């Protein structure tokens, strides 16, 4: 009951993911990103432990496809899971567990990977990838937002979505963007509102953190 996309910006090196679902608080459970490492997604009977595990394997230099192959041997219950990951080089992979009984799909695109389950149709995943690839000139967070909005317009999931999350990592150990809508009748519209409000100040928040002496005095 979730659809999502993880991506990389080849110009800036930013990595990030966006996700939405029909249960609450999806941003805190499913999407993870780390600067110069990768972005990952874990969903469908979600095991949040797999997000940090995937990032740890990427940090060790493992390829996304090899991480998934390893998990198939070591992670119990993986047949219920859906995973996606992309590394700092743009290599990507996904996994659809054999126990997922609903319409589900994964697709690797240019600098992105999209997955979804309990979907109205498989066009949802294709629409996310196509949108991401078509908006290369946009900042990564905007590309991700447009992609998930395209997935929603293509049909979305069978149930009413209720929460959404957007995370982007850049150069620092903390996220460049980390926005969440935990419970709403229109989570993607609310996430769009938050992103457009946050976007003009994103660089300023980073500057305040790494160079507080040089930051403008607050009015």
N, C-alpha and C. Protein backbone atom coordinates (compact mmCIF):
# COMPACT_ATOMS: atom_id res chain seq x y z
N UNK A 1 0.82 -1.19 0.00
CA UNK A 1 0.00 0.00 0.00
C UNK A 1 0.86 1.25 0.00
N UNK A 2 1.94 1.20 -0.78
CA UNK A 2 2.93 2.28 -0.76
C UNK A 2 3.52 2.43 -2.16
N UNK A 3 3.79 3.67 -2.56
CA UNK A 3 4.60 3.87 -3.76
C UNK A 3 5.62 4.96 -3.49
N UNK A 4 6.76 4.82 -4.15
CA UNK A 4 7.90 5.66 -3.79
C UNK A 4 8.94 5.64 -4.90
N UNK A 5 9.89 6.57 -4.78
CA UNK A 5 10.99 6.64 -5.73
C UNK A 5 12.22 7.20 -5.02
N UNK A 6 13.37 6.62 -5.32
CA UNK A 6 14.66 7.10 -4.83
C UNK A 6 15.47 7.55 -6.03
N UNK A 7 16.25 8.62 -5.86
CA UNK A 7 16.98 9.14 -7.01
C UNK A 7 18.27 9.84 -6.63
N UNK A 8 19.03 10.14 -7.66
CA UNK A 8 20.34 10.80 -7.54
C UNK A 8 20.40 11.94 -8.54
N UNK A 9 21.02 13.04 -8.14
CA UNK A 9 21.29 14.14 -9.05
C UNK A 9 22.73 14.05 -9.50
N UNK A 10 22.95 13.83 -10.78
CA UNK A 10 24.31 13.67 -11.30
C UNK A 10 25.10 14.97 -11.21
N UNK A 11 24.42 16.12 -11.24
CA UNK A 11 25.11 17.41 -11.19
C UNK A 11 25.65 17.72 -9.79
N UNK A 12 24.82 17.51 -8.79
CA UNK A 12 25.17 17.92 -7.43
C UNK A 12 25.61 16.78 -6.53
N UNK A 13 25.31 15.56 -6.91
CA UNK A 13 25.59 14.42 -6.04
C UNK A 13 24.55 14.19 -4.97
N UNK A 14 23.49 15.00 -4.95
CA UNK A 14 22.43 14.80 -3.96
C UNK A 14 21.76 13.45 -4.17
N UNK A 15 21.32 12.86 -3.06
CA UNK A 15 20.62 11.58 -3.06
C UNK A 15 19.37 11.72 -2.21
N UNK A 16 18.27 11.10 -2.64
CA UNK A 16 17.06 11.27 -1.86
C UNK A 16 15.96 10.32 -2.26
N UNK A 17 14.85 10.41 -1.52
CA UNK A 17 13.71 9.55 -1.77
C UNK A 17 12.43 10.25 -1.32
N UNK A 18 11.33 9.85 -1.93
CA UNK A 18 10.01 10.34 -1.55
C UNK A 18 9.06 9.16 -1.54
N UNK A 19 8.12 9.16 -0.59
CA UNK A 19 7.26 8.00 -0.39
C UNK A 19 5.89 8.46 0.10
N UNK A 20 4.86 7.72 -0.25
CA UNK A 20 3.52 7.97 0.28
C UNK A 20 2.80 6.64 0.45
N UNK A 21 1.83 6.63 1.40
CA UNK A 21 1.12 5.39 1.69
C UNK A 21 -0.22 5.69 2.35
N UNK A 22 -1.02 4.64 2.54
CA UNK A 22 -2.34 4.79 3.14
C UNK A 22 -2.34 4.58 4.64
N UNK A 23 -1.19 4.38 5.25
CA UNK A 23 -1.08 4.36 6.71
C UNK A 23 -0.35 5.61 7.16
N UNK A 24 -0.25 5.84 8.46
CA UNK A 24 0.33 7.08 8.94
C UNK A 24 1.85 6.96 9.13
N UNK A 25 2.51 8.13 9.12
CA UNK A 25 3.93 8.26 9.49
C UNK A 25 4.88 7.47 8.60
N UNK A 26 4.65 7.47 7.31
CA UNK A 26 5.49 6.69 6.40
C UNK A 26 6.91 7.24 6.31
N UNK A 27 7.07 8.57 6.45
CA UNK A 27 8.39 9.16 6.29
C UNK A 27 9.39 8.70 7.33
N UNK A 28 8.91 8.34 8.51
CA UNK A 28 9.81 7.89 9.56
C UNK A 28 10.14 6.42 9.50
N UNK A 29 9.50 5.67 8.61
CA UNK A 29 9.67 4.22 8.59
C UNK A 29 10.27 3.67 7.30
N UNK A 30 10.14 4.39 6.19
CA UNK A 30 10.40 3.76 4.90
C UNK A 30 11.53 4.36 4.08
N UNK A 31 11.83 5.65 4.23
CA UNK A 31 12.79 6.32 3.35
C UNK A 31 14.02 6.77 4.13
N UNK A 32 15.20 6.49 3.55
CA UNK A 32 16.46 6.82 4.20
C UNK A 32 17.45 7.32 3.14
N UNK A 33 18.31 8.26 3.53
CA UNK A 33 19.33 8.76 2.60
C UNK A 33 20.56 9.19 3.39
N UNK A 34 21.72 9.02 2.79
CA UNK A 34 22.97 9.41 3.43
C UNK A 34 23.88 10.04 2.38
N UNK A 35 24.47 11.19 2.71
CA UNK A 35 25.31 11.92 1.76
C UNK A 35 26.47 11.06 1.27
N UNK A 36 26.69 11.09 -0.05
CA UNK A 36 27.79 10.38 -0.70
C UNK A 36 27.71 8.86 -0.54
N UNK A 37 26.55 8.37 -0.12
CA UNK A 37 26.37 6.93 0.09
C UNK A 37 25.23 6.40 -0.76
N UNK A 38 24.00 6.87 -0.50
CA UNK A 38 22.87 6.39 -1.27
C UNK A 38 21.54 6.77 -0.65
N UNK A 39 20.49 6.31 -1.29
CA UNK A 39 19.12 6.49 -0.80
C UNK A 39 18.41 5.14 -0.94
N UNK A 40 17.61 4.80 0.08
CA UNK A 40 17.00 3.47 0.10
C UNK A 40 15.55 3.56 0.57
N UNK A 41 14.78 2.54 0.21
CA UNK A 41 13.37 2.45 0.58
C UNK A 41 13.07 1.03 1.04
N UNK A 42 12.32 0.91 2.12
CA UNK A 42 11.86 -0.39 2.61
C UNK A 42 10.36 -0.28 2.89
N UNK A 43 9.57 -1.16 2.27
CA UNK A 43 8.11 -1.03 2.38
C UNK A 43 7.42 -2.38 2.21
N UNK A 44 6.13 -2.42 2.39
CA UNK A 44 5.25 -3.58 2.41
C UNK A 44 5.60 -4.48 3.61
N UNK A 45 4.72 -4.50 4.59
CA UNK A 45 5.02 -5.15 5.88
C UNK A 45 6.42 -4.68 6.31
N UNK A 46 6.54 -3.38 6.38
CA UNK A 46 7.82 -2.70 6.45
C UNK A 46 8.67 -3.15 7.63
N UNK A 47 9.94 -3.40 7.35
CA UNK A 47 10.94 -3.62 8.39
C UNK A 47 11.89 -2.43 8.37
N UNK A 48 11.71 -1.44 9.25
CA UNK A 48 12.56 -0.25 9.23
C UNK A 48 14.03 -0.54 9.49
N UNK A 49 14.34 -1.71 10.04
CA UNK A 49 15.74 -2.06 10.26
C UNK A 49 16.51 -2.22 8.96
N UNK A 50 15.79 -2.53 7.89
CA UNK A 50 16.46 -2.77 6.61
C UNK A 50 16.99 -1.48 5.98
N UNK A 51 16.38 -0.32 6.30
CA UNK A 51 16.89 0.93 5.76
C UNK A 51 18.32 1.20 6.17
N UNK A 52 18.62 1.29 7.47
CA UNK A 52 20.01 1.47 7.90
C UNK A 52 20.93 0.34 7.46
N UNK A 53 20.42 -0.88 7.39
CA UNK A 53 21.26 -2.00 6.93
C UNK A 53 21.68 -1.79 5.48
N UNK A 54 20.76 -1.36 4.63
CA UNK A 54 21.11 -1.13 3.23
C UNK A 54 22.13 -0.01 3.10
N UNK A 55 21.93 1.08 3.85
CA UNK A 55 22.90 2.17 3.81
C UNK A 55 24.27 1.72 4.31
N UNK A 56 24.31 0.88 5.32
CA UNK A 56 25.58 0.38 5.83
C UNK A 56 26.32 -0.44 4.78
N UNK A 57 25.57 -1.27 4.05
CA UNK A 57 26.19 -2.08 2.99
C UNK A 57 26.70 -1.18 1.85
N UNK A 58 25.92 -0.15 1.50
CA UNK A 58 26.39 0.78 0.47
C UNK A 58 27.66 1.49 0.93
N UNK A 59 27.71 1.85 2.21
CA UNK A 59 28.87 2.54 2.75
C UNK A 59 30.12 1.65 2.68
N UNK A 60 29.90 0.35 2.76
CA UNK A 60 31.01 -0.61 2.66
C UNK A 60 31.45 -0.82 1.22
N UNK A 61 30.70 -0.25 0.26
CA UNK A 61 31.08 -0.37 -1.14
C UNK A 61 30.37 -1.46 -1.91
N UNK A 62 29.38 -2.09 -1.30
CA UNK A 62 28.64 -3.14 -2.00
C UNK A 62 27.72 -2.55 -3.06
N UNK A 63 27.55 -3.24 -4.16
CA UNK A 63 26.64 -2.82 -5.22
C UNK A 63 25.20 -3.12 -4.79
N UNK A 64 24.23 -2.27 -5.21
CA UNK A 64 22.84 -2.50 -4.82
C UNK A 64 22.32 -3.90 -5.12
N UNK A 65 22.61 -4.43 -6.28
CA UNK A 65 22.12 -5.77 -6.62
C UNK A 65 22.71 -6.83 -5.70
N UNK A 66 23.97 -6.66 -5.30
CA UNK A 66 24.60 -7.62 -4.41
C UNK A 66 24.01 -7.53 -3.00
N UNK A 67 23.62 -6.34 -2.59
CA UNK A 67 22.99 -6.18 -1.28
C UNK A 67 21.69 -6.96 -1.22
N UNK A 68 20.90 -6.85 -2.28
CA UNK A 68 19.63 -7.57 -2.33
C UNK A 68 19.86 -9.07 -2.36
N UNK A 69 20.84 -9.51 -3.13
CA UNK A 69 21.14 -10.94 -3.18
C UNK A 69 21.54 -11.46 -1.80
N UNK A 70 22.31 -10.66 -1.08
CA UNK A 70 22.71 -11.06 0.26
C UNK A 70 21.54 -11.12 1.22
N UNK A 71 20.65 -10.15 1.12
CA UNK A 71 19.47 -10.14 1.99
C UNK A 71 18.58 -11.36 1.74
N UNK A 72 18.51 -11.80 0.51
CA UNK A 72 17.68 -12.97 0.20
C UNK A 72 18.18 -14.21 0.94
N UNK A 73 19.45 -14.22 1.29
CA UNK A 73 20.03 -15.36 2.00
C UNK A 73 19.98 -15.19 3.51
N UNK A 74 19.94 -13.94 3.98
CA UNK A 74 20.13 -13.70 5.41
C UNK A 74 18.94 -13.09 6.14
N UNK A 75 18.01 -12.46 5.42
CA UNK A 75 16.94 -11.72 6.09
C UNK A 75 15.65 -12.53 6.13
N UNK A 76 15.22 -12.98 7.31
CA UNK A 76 13.96 -13.71 7.40
C UNK A 76 12.77 -12.81 7.08
N UNK A 77 11.78 -13.39 6.46
CA UNK A 77 10.58 -12.62 6.13
C UNK A 77 10.72 -11.72 4.92
N UNK A 78 11.84 -11.84 4.19
CA UNK A 78 12.05 -10.93 3.06
C UNK A 78 11.01 -11.11 1.97
N UNK A 79 10.38 -12.26 1.93
CA UNK A 79 9.35 -12.48 0.92
C UNK A 79 8.17 -11.55 1.04
N UNK A 80 8.00 -10.91 2.20
CA UNK A 80 6.92 -9.95 2.40
C UNK A 80 7.35 -8.52 2.10
N UNK A 81 8.60 -8.30 1.80
CA UNK A 81 9.13 -6.94 1.70
C UNK A 81 9.26 -6.47 0.25
N UNK A 82 9.31 -5.14 0.13
CA UNK A 82 9.64 -4.49 -1.13
C UNK A 82 10.74 -3.49 -0.83
N UNK A 83 11.84 -3.57 -1.58
CA UNK A 83 13.02 -2.75 -1.32
C UNK A 83 13.46 -2.04 -2.59
N UNK A 84 14.10 -0.90 -2.41
CA UNK A 84 14.72 -0.19 -3.52
C UNK A 84 15.92 0.57 -2.99
N UNK A 85 16.97 0.66 -3.78
CA UNK A 85 18.15 1.40 -3.35
C UNK A 85 18.94 1.90 -4.54
N UNK A 86 19.59 3.04 -4.34
CA UNK A 86 20.46 3.63 -5.35
C UNK A 86 21.70 4.14 -4.65
N UNK A 87 22.87 3.97 -5.27
CA UNK A 87 24.10 4.41 -4.64
C UNK A 87 24.60 5.73 -5.23
N UNK A 88 25.72 6.21 -4.73
CA UNK A 88 26.25 7.51 -5.14
C UNK A 88 26.72 7.53 -6.59
N UNK A 89 26.90 6.36 -7.20
CA UNK A 89 27.29 6.28 -8.61
C UNK A 89 26.08 6.21 -9.53
N UNK A 90 24.90 6.08 -8.97
CA UNK A 90 23.69 5.94 -9.77
C UNK A 90 23.30 4.51 -10.04
N UNK A 91 24.02 3.54 -9.46
CA UNK A 91 23.62 2.14 -9.59
C UNK A 91 22.40 1.89 -8.72
N UNK A 92 21.44 1.12 -9.23
CA UNK A 92 20.19 0.93 -8.50
C UNK A 92 19.69 -0.49 -8.66
N UNK A 93 18.84 -0.90 -7.71
CA UNK A 93 18.22 -2.22 -7.75
C UNK A 93 16.95 -2.18 -6.91
N UNK A 94 16.07 -3.17 -7.13
CA UNK A 94 14.85 -3.29 -6.34
C UNK A 94 14.56 -4.75 -6.09
N UNK A 95 13.65 -4.98 -5.13
CA UNK A 95 13.24 -6.34 -4.79
C UNK A 95 11.75 -6.35 -4.50
N UNK A 96 11.03 -7.28 -5.12
CA UNK A 96 9.62 -7.51 -4.83
C UNK A 96 9.48 -8.90 -4.23
N UNK A 97 9.10 -8.98 -2.96
CA UNK A 97 8.96 -10.28 -2.33
C UNK A 97 7.87 -11.13 -2.95
N UNK A 98 8.10 -12.42 -2.99
CA UNK A 98 7.15 -13.33 -3.62
C UNK A 98 5.84 -13.46 -2.89
N UNK A 99 5.77 -13.02 -1.64
CA UNK A 99 4.52 -13.10 -0.88
C UNK A 99 3.61 -11.89 -1.06
N UNK A 100 4.09 -10.90 -1.81
CA UNK A 100 3.26 -9.71 -2.06
C UNK A 100 2.16 -10.11 -3.03
N UNK A 101 0.92 -10.09 -2.58
CA UNK A 101 -0.19 -10.65 -3.37
C UNK A 101 -0.90 -9.59 -4.21
N UNK A 102 -0.57 -8.31 -4.00
CA UNK A 102 -1.26 -7.23 -4.71
C UNK A 102 -0.51 -6.88 -5.99
N UNK A 103 -1.08 -5.93 -6.76
CA UNK A 103 -0.36 -5.38 -7.90
C UNK A 103 0.86 -4.65 -7.39
N UNK A 104 2.02 -5.07 -7.82
CA UNK A 104 3.26 -4.42 -7.39
C UNK A 104 4.24 -4.39 -8.56
N UNK A 105 5.18 -3.47 -8.47
CA UNK A 105 6.15 -3.33 -9.55
C UNK A 105 7.37 -2.58 -9.05
N UNK A 106 8.49 -2.84 -9.67
CA UNK A 106 9.70 -2.05 -9.47
C UNK A 106 10.32 -1.75 -10.81
N UNK A 107 10.99 -0.62 -10.91
CA UNK A 107 11.64 -0.26 -12.18
C UNK A 107 12.85 0.62 -11.90
N UNK A 108 13.95 0.28 -12.53
CA UNK A 108 15.15 1.11 -12.48
C UNK A 108 15.15 2.03 -13.69
N UNK A 109 15.36 3.32 -13.46
CA UNK A 109 15.47 4.29 -14.54
C UNK A 109 16.81 4.99 -14.50
N UNK A 110 16.94 6.05 -15.24
CA UNK A 110 18.17 6.82 -15.23
C UNK A 110 18.33 7.55 -13.91
N UNK A 111 19.31 7.16 -13.11
CA UNK A 111 19.58 7.76 -11.81
C UNK A 111 18.39 7.66 -10.86
N UNK A 112 17.56 6.64 -11.00
CA UNK A 112 16.41 6.49 -10.10
C UNK A 112 15.95 5.05 -10.06
N UNK A 113 15.15 4.75 -9.04
CA UNK A 113 14.49 3.46 -8.93
C UNK A 113 13.15 3.69 -8.23
N UNK A 114 12.09 3.13 -8.77
CA UNK A 114 10.74 3.33 -8.23
C UNK A 114 10.12 1.98 -7.92
N UNK A 115 9.31 1.95 -6.85
CA UNK A 115 8.61 0.73 -6.47
C UNK A 115 7.22 1.09 -5.96
N UNK A 116 6.32 0.12 -6.00
CA UNK A 116 4.99 0.33 -5.47
C UNK A 116 4.27 -0.98 -5.27
N UNK A 117 3.35 -1.00 -4.30
CA UNK A 117 2.55 -2.19 -4.05
C UNK A 117 1.13 -1.78 -3.68
N UNK A 118 0.20 -2.71 -3.80
CA UNK A 118 -1.24 -2.44 -3.66
C UNK A 118 -1.61 -1.25 -4.55
N UNK A 119 -1.17 -1.31 -5.79
CA UNK A 119 -1.37 -0.23 -6.75
C UNK A 119 -2.64 -0.44 -7.55
N UNK A 120 -3.15 0.64 -8.09
CA UNK A 120 -4.28 0.53 -9.01
C UNK A 120 -3.85 -0.08 -10.33
N UNK A 121 -2.62 0.19 -10.73
CA UNK A 121 -2.08 -0.35 -11.97
C UNK A 121 -0.56 -0.19 -11.95
N UNK A 122 0.12 -0.89 -12.83
CA UNK A 122 1.58 -0.81 -12.88
C UNK A 122 2.07 0.48 -13.54
N UNK A 123 1.16 1.24 -14.17
CA UNK A 123 1.55 2.52 -14.76
C UNK A 123 2.07 3.49 -13.72
N UNK A 124 1.68 3.29 -12.46
CA UNK A 124 2.11 4.19 -11.39
C UNK A 124 3.63 4.26 -11.32
N UNK A 125 4.27 3.11 -11.33
CA UNK A 125 5.73 3.05 -11.24
C UNK A 125 6.37 3.63 -12.49
N UNK A 126 5.84 3.29 -13.65
CA UNK A 126 6.39 3.83 -14.90
C UNK A 126 6.28 5.36 -14.93
N UNK A 127 5.16 5.89 -14.45
CA UNK A 127 4.96 7.34 -14.46
C UNK A 127 5.98 8.04 -13.58
N UNK A 128 6.31 7.45 -12.44
CA UNK A 128 7.31 8.06 -11.56
C UNK A 128 8.67 8.12 -12.23
N UNK A 129 9.07 7.03 -12.83
CA UNK A 129 10.38 6.99 -13.51
C UNK A 129 10.41 7.97 -14.67
N UNK A 130 9.38 7.97 -15.48
CA UNK A 130 9.35 8.86 -16.64
C UNK A 130 9.39 10.32 -16.23
N UNK A 131 8.68 10.67 -15.18
CA UNK A 131 8.71 12.05 -14.69
C UNK A 131 10.09 12.43 -14.19
N UNK A 132 10.70 11.54 -13.41
CA UNK A 132 12.03 11.84 -12.87
C UNK A 132 13.03 12.08 -14.00
N UNK A 133 12.99 11.22 -15.00
CA UNK A 133 13.93 11.35 -16.11
C UNK A 133 13.67 12.61 -16.93
N UNK A 134 12.43 13.04 -17.01
CA UNK A 134 12.07 14.20 -17.83
C UNK A 134 12.38 15.53 -17.16
N UNK A 135 12.69 15.54 -15.87
CA UNK A 135 12.90 16.78 -15.14
C UNK A 135 14.32 16.92 -14.62
N UNK A 136 15.26 16.52 -15.45
CA UNK A 136 16.67 16.50 -15.05
C UNK A 136 17.19 17.88 -14.64
N UNK A 137 16.64 18.94 -15.20
CA UNK A 137 17.14 20.29 -14.91
C UNK A 137 16.70 20.80 -13.54
N UNK A 138 15.73 20.13 -12.92
CA UNK A 138 15.19 20.58 -11.64
C UNK A 138 16.06 20.10 -10.47
N UNK A 139 16.01 20.80 -9.32
CA UNK A 139 16.68 20.28 -8.12
C UNK A 139 16.13 18.91 -7.76
N UNK A 140 16.94 18.10 -7.08
CA UNK A 140 16.54 16.73 -6.82
C UNK A 140 15.22 16.64 -6.07
N UNK A 141 15.05 17.43 -5.02
CA UNK A 141 13.80 17.36 -4.25
C UNK A 141 12.59 17.65 -5.13
N UNK A 142 12.72 18.61 -6.03
CA UNK A 142 11.62 18.93 -6.94
C UNK A 142 11.36 17.79 -7.91
N UNK A 143 12.42 17.18 -8.41
CA UNK A 143 12.26 16.03 -9.31
C UNK A 143 11.52 14.89 -8.61
N UNK A 144 11.89 14.65 -7.37
CA UNK A 144 11.23 13.59 -6.61
C UNK A 144 9.76 13.92 -6.38
N UNK A 145 9.48 15.17 -6.03
CA UNK A 145 8.09 15.57 -5.81
C UNK A 145 7.27 15.41 -7.09
N UNK A 146 7.81 15.87 -8.19
CA UNK A 146 7.07 15.74 -9.45
C UNK A 146 6.85 14.28 -9.82
N UNK A 147 7.82 13.45 -9.50
CA UNK A 147 7.71 12.03 -9.82
C UNK A 147 6.59 11.36 -9.04
N UNK A 148 6.54 11.61 -7.73
CA UNK A 148 5.50 10.94 -6.95
C UNK A 148 4.12 11.52 -7.25
N UNK A 149 4.07 12.79 -7.59
CA UNK A 149 2.80 13.38 -8.04
C UNK A 149 2.34 12.74 -9.34
N UNK A 150 3.29 12.42 -10.22
CA UNK A 150 2.95 11.74 -11.47
C UNK A 150 2.43 10.33 -11.20
N UNK A 151 3.03 9.66 -10.22
CA UNK A 151 2.55 8.33 -9.85
C UNK A 151 1.15 8.38 -9.30
N UNK A 152 0.87 9.39 -8.51
CA UNK A 152 -0.49 9.55 -7.96
C UNK A 152 -1.48 9.83 -9.08
N UNK A 153 -1.10 10.68 -10.02
CA UNK A 153 -1.98 11.00 -11.14
C UNK A 153 -2.23 9.79 -12.04
N UNK A 154 -1.28 8.87 -12.08
CA UNK A 154 -1.42 7.67 -12.91
C UNK A 154 -2.31 6.61 -12.26
N UNK A 155 -2.72 6.84 -11.03
CA UNK A 155 -3.61 5.89 -10.37
C UNK A 155 -3.33 5.70 -8.89
N UNK A 156 -2.05 5.86 -8.50
CA UNK A 156 -1.71 5.72 -7.09
C UNK A 156 -2.00 4.33 -6.56
N UNK A 157 -2.29 4.26 -5.27
CA UNK A 157 -2.60 2.97 -4.66
C UNK A 157 -4.10 2.80 -4.48
N UNK A 158 -4.50 1.59 -4.13
CA UNK A 158 -5.92 1.28 -4.04
C UNK A 158 -6.61 2.01 -2.90
N UNK A 159 -5.91 2.21 -1.79
CA UNK A 159 -6.50 2.87 -0.64
C UNK A 159 -6.16 4.36 -0.65
N UNK A 160 -6.89 5.13 0.15
CA UNK A 160 -6.64 6.56 0.26
C UNK A 160 -5.30 6.80 0.95
N UNK A 161 -4.39 7.53 0.29
CA UNK A 161 -3.11 7.81 0.92
C UNK A 161 -3.31 8.78 2.08
N UNK A 162 -2.47 8.63 3.11
CA UNK A 162 -2.63 9.41 4.33
C UNK A 162 -1.35 10.10 4.80
N UNK A 163 -0.20 9.62 4.37
CA UNK A 163 1.05 10.22 4.83
C UNK A 163 2.07 10.22 3.70
N UNK A 164 3.11 11.04 3.86
CA UNK A 164 4.14 11.15 2.83
C UNK A 164 5.41 11.69 3.47
N UNK A 165 6.54 11.40 2.84
CA UNK A 165 7.82 11.90 3.35
C UNK A 165 8.80 12.14 2.22
N UNK A 166 9.62 13.17 2.40
CA UNK A 166 10.64 13.54 1.42
C UNK A 166 11.96 13.73 2.16
N UNK A 167 13.00 13.02 1.75
CA UNK A 167 14.32 13.17 2.37
C UNK A 167 15.37 13.29 1.29
N UNK A 168 16.27 14.26 1.45
CA UNK A 168 17.38 14.47 0.52
C UNK A 168 18.65 14.70 1.32
N UNK A 169 19.70 14.01 0.96
CA UNK A 169 21.01 14.19 1.59
C UNK A 169 21.96 14.84 0.59
N UNK A 170 22.84 15.71 1.11
CA UNK A 170 23.80 16.36 0.22
C UNK A 170 25.21 16.14 0.75
N UNK A 171 25.81 17.15 1.36
CA UNK A 171 27.20 17.04 1.75
C UNK A 171 27.40 16.77 3.24
N UNK A 172 26.40 17.06 4.05
CA UNK A 172 26.56 16.96 5.50
C UNK A 172 25.98 15.65 6.04
N UNK A 173 26.26 15.40 7.30
CA UNK A 173 25.75 14.18 7.94
C UNK A 173 24.27 14.27 8.25
N UNK A 174 23.72 15.47 8.26
CA UNK A 174 22.28 15.65 8.47
C UNK A 174 21.59 15.88 7.13
N UNK A 175 20.29 15.63 7.03
CA UNK A 175 19.61 15.77 5.75
C UNK A 175 19.56 17.22 5.26
N UNK A 176 19.65 17.38 3.96
CA UNK A 176 19.44 18.68 3.34
C UNK A 176 17.95 19.04 3.38
N UNK A 177 17.12 18.03 3.18
CA UNK A 177 15.66 18.16 3.29
C UNK A 177 15.14 16.94 4.02
N UNK A 178 14.26 17.14 4.98
CA UNK A 178 13.60 16.04 5.66
C UNK A 178 12.22 16.54 6.08
N UNK A 179 11.23 16.34 5.21
CA UNK A 179 9.88 16.84 5.42
C UNK A 179 8.90 15.68 5.46
N UNK A 180 7.94 15.77 6.38
CA UNK A 180 6.99 14.67 6.56
C UNK A 180 5.59 15.17 6.81
N UNK A 181 4.63 14.47 6.24
CA UNK A 181 3.21 14.66 6.54
C UNK A 181 2.76 13.34 7.14
N UNK A 182 2.45 13.32 8.41
CA UNK A 182 2.21 12.06 9.10
C UNK A 182 0.76 11.57 9.03
N UNK A 183 -0.19 12.47 8.88
CA UNK A 183 -1.59 12.05 8.76
C UNK A 183 -2.38 13.19 8.16
N UNK A 184 -2.91 12.94 6.95
CA UNK A 184 -3.63 13.99 6.23
C UNK A 184 -4.52 13.36 5.17
N UNK A 185 -5.66 13.98 4.86
CA UNK A 185 -6.48 13.49 3.75
C UNK A 185 -5.87 13.82 2.39
N UNK A 186 -4.82 14.67 2.37
CA UNK A 186 -4.17 15.05 1.10
C UNK A 186 -2.67 15.21 1.33
N UNK A 187 -1.98 14.13 1.64
CA UNK A 187 -0.59 14.23 2.05
C UNK A 187 0.37 14.76 0.98
N UNK A 188 0.13 14.43 -0.29
CA UNK A 188 1.05 14.93 -1.31
C UNK A 188 0.88 16.43 -1.54
N UNK A 189 -0.33 16.92 -1.46
CA UNK A 189 -0.54 18.36 -1.56
C UNK A 189 0.11 19.08 -0.38
N UNK A 190 -0.02 18.49 0.80
CA UNK A 190 0.60 19.09 1.98
C UNK A 190 2.12 19.04 1.90
N UNK A 191 2.65 17.94 1.39
CA UNK A 191 4.11 17.82 1.25
C UNK A 191 4.61 18.82 0.21
N UNK A 192 3.87 19.00 -0.86
CA UNK A 192 4.22 20.02 -1.87
C UNK A 192 4.26 21.41 -1.22
N UNK A 193 3.27 21.72 -0.39
CA UNK A 193 3.24 23.01 0.30
C UNK A 193 4.47 23.17 1.19
N UNK A 194 4.80 22.15 1.95
CA UNK A 194 5.96 22.22 2.84
C UNK A 194 7.26 22.40 2.06
N UNK A 195 7.41 21.66 0.96
CA UNK A 195 8.63 21.76 0.17
C UNK A 195 8.77 23.16 -0.43
N UNK A 196 7.72 23.70 -0.98
CA UNK A 196 7.83 25.02 -1.59
C UNK A 196 8.10 26.10 -0.54
N UNK A 197 7.62 25.90 0.68
CA UNK A 197 7.90 26.82 1.77
C UNK A 197 9.34 26.68 2.25
N UNK A 198 9.84 25.44 2.26
CA UNK A 198 11.17 25.16 2.79
C UNK A 198 12.28 25.45 1.78
N UNK A 199 12.00 25.26 0.50
CA UNK A 199 13.04 25.34 -0.53
C UNK A 199 13.88 26.61 -0.47
N UNK A 200 13.29 27.81 -0.33
CA UNK A 200 14.12 29.02 -0.34
C UNK A 200 15.06 29.13 0.86
N UNK A 201 14.79 28.38 1.92
CA UNK A 201 15.59 28.49 3.14
C UNK A 201 16.53 27.30 3.36
N UNK A 202 16.47 26.29 2.50
CA UNK A 202 17.23 25.06 2.72
C UNK A 202 18.72 25.32 2.85
N UNK A 203 19.28 26.09 1.94
CA UNK A 203 20.72 26.39 1.99
C UNK A 203 21.05 27.20 3.25
N UNK A 204 20.16 28.10 3.65
CA UNK A 204 20.40 28.91 4.84
C UNK A 204 20.50 28.05 6.09
N UNK A 205 19.64 27.04 6.20
CA UNK A 205 19.71 26.16 7.37
C UNK A 205 21.02 25.40 7.42
N UNK A 206 21.53 25.00 6.26
CA UNK A 206 22.83 24.34 6.23
C UNK A 206 23.92 25.32 6.66
N UNK A 207 23.86 26.55 6.14
CA UNK A 207 24.85 27.56 6.50
C UNK A 207 24.86 27.87 7.98
N UNK A 208 23.70 27.94 8.59
CA UNK A 208 23.63 28.19 10.03
C UNK A 208 24.31 27.09 10.82
N UNK A 209 24.20 25.87 10.31
CA UNK A 209 24.78 24.73 11.02
C UNK A 209 26.30 24.69 10.90
N UNK A 210 26.82 24.87 9.69
CA UNK A 210 28.26 24.68 9.48
C UNK A 210 29.07 25.95 9.67
N UNK A 211 28.43 27.11 9.58
CA UNK A 211 29.15 28.39 9.75
C UNK A 211 28.26 29.39 10.48
N UNK A 212 28.00 29.15 11.76
CA UNK A 212 27.08 30.03 12.48
C UNK A 212 27.56 31.48 12.58
N UNK A 213 28.88 31.71 12.60
CA UNK A 213 29.40 33.08 12.68
C UNK A 213 29.11 33.87 11.41
N UNK A 214 29.00 33.16 10.28
CA UNK A 214 28.77 33.85 9.01
C UNK A 214 27.31 33.92 8.61
N UNK A 215 26.43 33.35 9.43
CA UNK A 215 25.01 33.37 9.08
C UNK A 215 24.43 34.73 9.32
N UNK A 216 23.46 35.14 8.50
CA UNK A 216 22.79 36.43 8.72
C UNK A 216 22.12 36.49 10.08
N UNK A 217 22.13 37.67 10.71
CA UNK A 217 21.46 37.83 11.99
C UNK A 217 19.94 37.74 11.78
N UNK A 218 19.31 36.92 12.60
CA UNK A 218 17.86 36.77 12.49
C UNK A 218 17.17 38.07 12.83
N UNK A 219 16.13 38.40 12.07
CA UNK A 219 15.39 39.63 12.35
C UNK A 219 14.42 39.42 13.50
